[in-house]
Amino acid sequence: MAVARVTHVIASSPNSFHDAINEGLERARRTIHGITGLEILDHKCKVEDGKISEYRVEMNATFILD
């Protein structure tokens, strides 16, 4: 029987939501092993001078405990 844990991750990118998700996953993988899924909770944008300057995502990363 496996036991899983969920960790909240917030990430950003100047390019896209897709890039922000990948950035968050890659950063989480450096310290969390066995990630099995992501749940995207929220999408937000930072706006400067009337234009999107940053894409932000909040997500939960699920991983199996050793």
Protein backbone atom coordinates (compact mmCIF):
# COMPACT_ATOMS: atom_id res chain seq x y z
CA MET A 1 0.00 0.00 0.00
CA ALA A 2 1.36 3.43 -0.97
CA VAL A 3 1.06 6.61 1.04
CA ALA A 4 1.06 9.95 -0.79
CA ARG A 5 1.65 13.51 0.26
CA VAL A 6 0.65 16.80 -1.36
CA THR A 7 2.83 19.93 -1.45
CA HIS A 8 1.64 23.37 -2.53
CA VAL A 9 3.80 25.00 -5.23
CA ILE A 10 3.66 28.54 -6.65
CA ALA A 11 5.61 29.28 -9.83
CA SER A 12 5.86 32.01 -12.45
CA SER A 13 7.13 32.69 -15.96
CA PRO A 14 7.33 35.78 -18.16
CA ASN A 15 6.26 33.67 -21.18
CA SER A 16 3.15 31.55 -20.49
CA PHE A 17 1.12 29.52 -18.01
CA HIS A 18 2.56 26.37 -19.61
CA ASP A 19 6.10 27.56 -18.89
CA ALA A 20 5.14 28.48 -15.31
CA ILE A 21 3.76 24.97 -14.73
CA ASN A 22 6.91 23.38 -16.16
CA GLU A 23 9.13 25.67 -14.08
CA GLY A 24 7.26 24.72 -10.91
CA LEU A 25 7.49 21.01 -11.73
CA GLU A 26 11.20 21.15 -12.54
CA ARG A 27 11.97 23.06 -9.35
CA ALA A 28 9.90 20.68 -7.22
CA ARG A 29 11.66 17.67 -8.78
CA ARG A 30 15.00 18.90 -7.40
CA THR A 31 13.88 18.19 -3.84
CA ILE A 32 10.80 15.95 -4.14
CA HIS A 33 11.14 12.47 -5.62
CA GLY A 34 8.34 10.35 -7.01
CA ILE A 35 5.95 13.10 -8.16
CA THR A 36 2.91 11.37 -9.65
CA GLY A 37 0.62 14.28 -10.46
CA LEU A 38 -0.12 17.98 -10.46
CA GLU A 39 -3.37 19.75 -9.67
CA ILE A 40 -3.52 23.27 -11.07
CA LEU A 41 -5.43 25.35 -8.52
CA ASP A 42 -5.21 28.89 -9.89
CA HIS A 43 -3.90 30.99 -12.75
CA LYS A 44 -3.02 34.66 -12.29
CA CYS A 45 -1.23 37.34 -14.28
CA LYS A 46 0.83 40.31 -13.20
CA VAL A 47 0.12 43.37 -15.35
CA GLU A 48 2.49 46.30 -15.88
CA ASP A 49 1.79 49.23 -18.19
CA GLY A 50 -1.35 47.53 -19.48
CA LYS A 51 0.45 44.34 -20.57
CA ILE A 52 0.96 40.93 -18.99
CA SER A 53 4.44 40.84 -17.50
CA GLU A 54 4.24 37.54 -15.61
CA TYR A 55 2.12 34.39 -15.62
CA ARG A 56 1.62 32.76 -12.22
CA VAL A 57 0.23 29.36 -11.23
CA GLU A 58 -0.61 27.74 -7.92
CA MET A 59 -0.57 23.96 -7.92
CA ASN A 60 -0.44 20.92 -5.71
CA ALA A 61 2.21 18.29 -6.43
CA THR A 62 1.35 14.77 -5.30
CA PHE A 63 4.17 12.33 -4.55
CA ILE A 64 4.55 8.89 -3.03
CA LEU A 65 6.42 8.70 0.28
CA ASP A 66 9.42 6.38 0.42
